[in-house]
Amino acid sequence: MSFFISDAMAQAAPAAQEPNIMSQLIFFIGIFVIFYFLLIRPQQKRAKEHRNLVSALSKGDEVVTNGGLAGKVTEVGDEYVNLELADNVEVKLQKQSVVNVLPKGTLKTINKE
């Protein structure tokens, strides 16, 4: 019997159970799949729809910009469009700033109010 170390403390610790590497791998793959379907895939889908919308812009379209301006497209270039906001008021802006294409005649109903 030792006076310095009690018998219970001197015993060897039980062997720690090693985590299963396969279960950890499956867990991380599952997390990635969840992130893909909830975050990555919807964002890619929205980006593709926006690219299609921007590439389909043509003269006479009524659009809304990300700044909230509504107007009619008067000229379409490679990177920029001219947008008529009111009579004799035109601005040039990047195609990427167009958020939505409105149905024909929407600006007339907005201007009446």
C-alpha atoms as a PDB file:
ATOM      1  CA  MET A   1       0.000   0.000   0.000  1.00  0.00           C
ATOM      2  CA  SER A   2       1.368   3.321  -1.039  1.00  0.00           C
ATOM      3  CA  PHE A   3       0.812   6.473   0.938  1.00  0.00           C
ATOM      4  CA  PHE A   4       1.432   8.821  -2.007  1.00  0.00           C
ATOM      5  CA  ILE A   5      -0.766   7.375  -4.754  1.00  0.00           C
ATOM      6  CA  SER A   6      -4.071   5.753  -4.040  1.00  0.00           C
ATOM      7  CA  ASP A   7      -4.671   2.381  -5.632  1.00  0.00           C
ATOM      8  CA  ALA A   8      -7.624   3.633  -7.696  1.00  0.00           C
ATOM      9  CA  MET A   9      -5.563   6.383  -9.299  1.00  0.00           C
ATOM     10  CA  ALA A  10      -2.705   4.049 -10.151  1.00  0.00           C
ATOM     11  CA  GLN A  11      -4.798   1.786 -12.335  1.00  0.00           C
ATOM     12  CA  ALA A  12      -4.519   2.113 -16.086  1.00  0.00           C
ATOM     13  CA  ALA A  13      -7.224   4.081 -17.840  1.00  0.00           C
ATOM     14  CA  PRO A  14      -9.561   2.032 -20.029  1.00  0.00           C
ATOM     15  CA  ALA A  15      -8.731   2.104 -23.722  1.00  0.00           C
ATOM     16  CA  ALA A  16     -10.595   4.874 -25.519  1.00  0.00           C
ATOM     17  CA  GLN A  17     -12.891   3.721 -28.270  1.00  0.00           C
ATOM     18  CA  GLU A  18     -11.695   5.025 -31.623  1.00  0.00           C
ATOM     19  CA  PRO A  19     -14.422   6.728 -33.694  1.00  0.00           C
ATOM     20  CA  ASN A  20     -15.379   4.905 -36.843  1.00  0.00           C
ATOM     21  CA  ILE A  21     -13.880   6.777 -39.805  1.00  0.00           C
ATOM     22  CA  MET A  22     -16.567   5.515 -42.158  1.00  0.00           C
ATOM     23  CA  SER A  23     -19.377   6.995 -40.041  1.00  0.00           C
ATOM     24  CA  GLN A  24     -17.591  10.344 -39.923  1.00  0.00           C
ATOM     25  CA  LEU A  25     -17.142  10.294 -43.703  1.00  0.00           C
ATOM     26  CA  ILE A  26     -20.827   9.516 -44.247  1.00  0.00           C
ATOM     27  CA  PHE A  27     -21.768  12.359 -41.877  1.00  0.00           C
ATOM     28  CA  PHE A  28     -19.686  14.925 -43.796  1.00  0.00           C
ATOM     29  CA  ILE A  29     -20.983  13.708 -47.154  1.00  0.00           C
ATOM     30  CA  GLY A  30     -24.533  14.042 -45.813  1.00  0.00           C
ATOM     31  CA  ILE A  31     -23.855  17.615 -44.677  1.00  0.00           C
ATOM     32  CA  PHE A  32     -22.457  18.488 -48.116  1.00  0.00           C
ATOM     33  CA  VAL A  33     -25.516  17.009 -49.855  1.00  0.00           C
ATOM     34  CA  ILE A  34     -27.829  19.057 -47.626  1.00  0.00           C
ATOM     35  CA  PHE A  35     -25.849  22.261 -48.356  1.00  0.00           C
ATOM     36  CA  TYR A  36     -25.910  21.511 -52.068  1.00  0.00           C
ATOM     37  CA  PHE A  37     -29.670  21.084 -52.286  1.00  0.00           C
ATOM     38  CA  LEU A  38     -30.561  23.912 -49.892  1.00  0.00           C
ATOM     39  CA  LEU A  39     -27.980  26.565 -50.819  1.00  0.00           C
ATOM     40  CA  ILE A  40     -25.830  25.933 -53.881  1.00  0.00           C
ATOM     41  CA  ARG A  41     -28.355  24.500 -56.369  1.00  0.00           C
ATOM     42  CA  PRO A  42     -31.070  27.178 -55.902  1.00  0.00           C
ATOM     43  CA  GLN A  43     -28.477  29.953 -56.245  1.00  0.00           C
ATOM     44  CA  GLN A  44     -27.144  28.459 -59.490  1.00  0.00           C
ATOM     45  CA  LYS A  45     -30.692  28.157 -60.815  1.00  0.00           C
ATOM     46  CA  ARG A  46     -31.439  31.844 -60.069  1.00  0.00           C
ATOM     47  CA  ALA A  47     -28.174  32.921 -61.694  1.00  0.00           C
ATOM     48  CA  LYS A  48     -28.993  30.922 -64.838  1.00  0.00           C
ATOM     49  CA  GLU A  49     -32.487  32.449 -65.046  1.00  0.00           C
ATOM     50  CA  HIS A  50     -31.001  35.960 -64.678  1.00  0.00           C
ATOM     51  CA  ARG A  51     -28.436  35.270 -67.424  1.00  0.00           C
ATOM     52  CA  ASN A  52     -31.236  34.146 -69.733  1.00  0.00           C
ATOM     53  CA  LEU A  53     -33.311  37.231 -68.872  1.00  0.00           C
ATOM     54  CA  VAL A  54     -30.402  39.595 -69.580  1.00  0.00           C
ATOM     55  CA  SER A  55     -29.464  37.888 -72.849  1.00  0.00           C
ATOM     56  CA  ALA A  56     -33.071  38.081 -74.069  1.00  0.00           C
ATOM     57  CA  LEU A  57     -33.396  41.867 -73.573  1.00  0.00           C
ATOM     58  CA  SER A  58     -34.556  43.661 -76.680  1.00  0.00           C
ATOM     59  CA  LYS A  59     -35.620  47.114 -77.779  1.00  0.00           C
ATOM     60  CA  GLY A  60     -39.081  48.014 -76.490  1.00  0.00           C
ATOM     61  CA  ASP A  61     -38.995  45.821 -73.375  1.00  0.00           C
ATOM     62  CA  GLU A  62     -40.283  47.411 -70.189  1.00  0.00           C
ATOM     63  CA  VAL A  63     -37.949  46.599 -67.314  1.00  0.00           C
ATOM     64  CA  VAL A  64     -37.232  47.263 -63.643  1.00  0.00           C
ATOM     65  CA  THR A  65     -33.657  47.759 -62.413  1.00  0.00           C
ATOM     66  CA  ASN A  66     -32.198  46.661 -59.110  1.00  0.00           C
ATOM     67  CA  GLY A  67     -32.349  50.317 -58.030  1.00  0.00           C
ATOM     68  CA  GLY A  68     -36.102  50.372 -58.562  1.00  0.00           C
ATOM     69  CA  LEU A  69     -36.161  52.396 -61.784  1.00  0.00           C
ATOM     70  CA  ALA A  70     -38.812  51.357 -64.299  1.00  0.00           C
ATOM     71  CA  GLY A  71     -38.408  52.234 -67.943  1.00  0.00           C
ATOM     72  CA  LYS A  72     -38.445  51.177 -71.559  1.00  0.00           C
ATOM     73  CA  VAL A  73     -35.351  49.806 -73.316  1.00  0.00           C
ATOM     74  CA  THR A  74     -34.469  52.003 -76.284  1.00  0.00           C
ATOM     75  CA  GLU A  75     -31.102  50.518 -77.276  1.00  0.00           C
ATOM     76  CA  VAL A  76     -29.306  47.281 -76.447  1.00  0.00           C
ATOM     77  CA  GLY A  77     -25.525  46.891 -76.569  1.00  0.00           C
ATOM     78  CA  ASP A  78     -23.142  44.133 -75.518  1.00  0.00           C
ATOM     79  CA  GLU A  79     -22.782  45.283 -71.903  1.00  0.00           C
ATOM     80  CA  TYR A  80     -25.115  48.297 -71.600  1.00  0.00           C
ATOM     81  CA  VAL A  81     -28.707  49.259 -72.387  1.00  0.00           C
ATOM     82  CA  ASN A  82     -30.304  52.664 -72.797  1.00  0.00           C
ATOM     83  CA  LEU A  83     -33.381  53.004 -70.649  1.00  0.00           C
ATOM     84  CA  GLU A  84     -36.034  55.673 -71.226  1.00  0.00           C
ATOM     85  CA  LEU A  85     -37.417  56.664 -67.829  1.00  0.00           C
ATOM     86  CA  ALA A  86     -39.672  59.504 -69.044  1.00  0.00           C
ATOM     87  CA  ASP A  87     -40.081  61.660 -72.143  1.00  0.00           C
ATOM     88  CA  ASN A  88     -36.586  62.852 -73.195  1.00  0.00           C
ATOM     89  CA  VAL A  89     -34.988  61.252 -70.109  1.00  0.00           C
ATOM     90  CA  GLU A  90     -32.635  58.363 -70.934  1.00  0.00           C
ATOM     91  CA  VAL A  91     -29.991  56.653 -68.843  1.00  0.00           C
ATOM     92  CA  LYS A  92     -27.352  54.128 -69.788  1.00  0.00           C
ATOM     93  CA  LEU A  93     -26.925  51.229 -67.402  1.00  0.00           C
ATOM     94  CA  GLN A  94     -25.380  47.806 -67.266  1.00  0.00           C
ATOM     95  CA  LYS A  95     -27.447  44.890 -68.448  1.00  0.00           C
ATOM     96  CA  GLN A  96     -26.763  43.041 -65.198  1.00  0.00           C
ATOM     97  CA  SER A  97     -28.702  45.660 -63.236  1.00  0.00           C
ATOM     98  CA  VAL A  98     -31.970  44.671 -64.920  1.00  0.00           C
ATOM     99  CA  VAL A  99     -33.955  42.584 -62.459  1.00  0.00           C
ATOM    100  CA  ASN A 100     -37.316  42.006 -64.101  1.00  0.00           C
ATOM    101  CA  VAL A 101     -39.017  42.378 -67.462  1.00  0.00           C
ATOM    102  CA  LEU A 102     -42.543  43.781 -67.125  1.00  0.00           C
ATOM    103  CA  PRO A 103     -45.511  42.891 -69.328  1.00  0.00           C
ATOM    104  CA  LYS A 104     -46.119  45.290 -72.229  1.00  0.00           C
ATOM    105  CA  GLY A 105     -48.186  48.331 -71.224  1.00  0.00           C
ATOM    106  CA  THR A 106     -47.280  48.254 -67.546  1.00  0.00           C
ATOM    107  CA  LEU A 107     -45.508  51.611 -67.671  1.00  0.00           C
ATOM    108  CA  LYS A 108     -48.627  53.297 -69.055  1.00  0.00           C
ATOM    109  CA  THR A 109     -50.688  52.052 -66.129  1.00  0.00           C
ATOM    110  CA  ILE A 110     -47.997  53.153 -63.652  1.00  0.00           C
ATOM    111  CA  ASN A 111     -47.765  56.656 -65.204  1.00  0.00           C
ATOM    112  CA  LYS A 112     -51.555  57.177 -64.980  1.00  0.00           C
ATOM    113  CA  GLU A 113     -51.519  56.940 -61.191  1.00  0.00           C
END
